[in-house]
Amino acid sequence: MKNKKSNGFPLFELLVSISIIAVMTAIAVVSFGAVSKKSRDARRIADLEKIRIALEAVRQVGNTYPAAIGTSTNLTGYLQQWPNDPKTGGIYTYTRPTNITYQICASVEDLGSTTPNIAGCPSLPSGFVGYYEVFNP
């Protein structure tokens, strides 16, 4: 009997290999998406903490918190650069109910970063699951 030498892979082996690569790619994409959400939430939390520190410095000097904050406010001397949301590029929501209280909200994408108290926070944009907030101590 004569052995027949093959010059390529059988179709079945190619299909199995392509299927394995497709499954591994899908798992990697899903894992990367979760890591990206957590890293953006970590940046939001760090941004709000930086704003909190700047607000406390403003209050130390002027005895009140600013009435409004944004990209061009009196926090210029206290923040090197105004932080924006890493996903949307928008600014964070700031409210000042009284001269000695404030609240800043950021929408978050990961359930582990949320807070149950959302009074004063705006409605959630699509793609977000909750809020992280800071307020005066």
Foldseek 3Di string as FASTA:
>chain_A
DDDDDDPDDDPVVVVVVVVVVVVVVVVVVVVVVVVVQVVLLVVVVVLQVQVLVLQVVVCVVVVFGDQDDDQDDPSVVRDVGRDARPPPRHHWDKHDPDRHKIKTKDFGQDPVQADPDQVPPDDDDPNGDHIHMDMDD
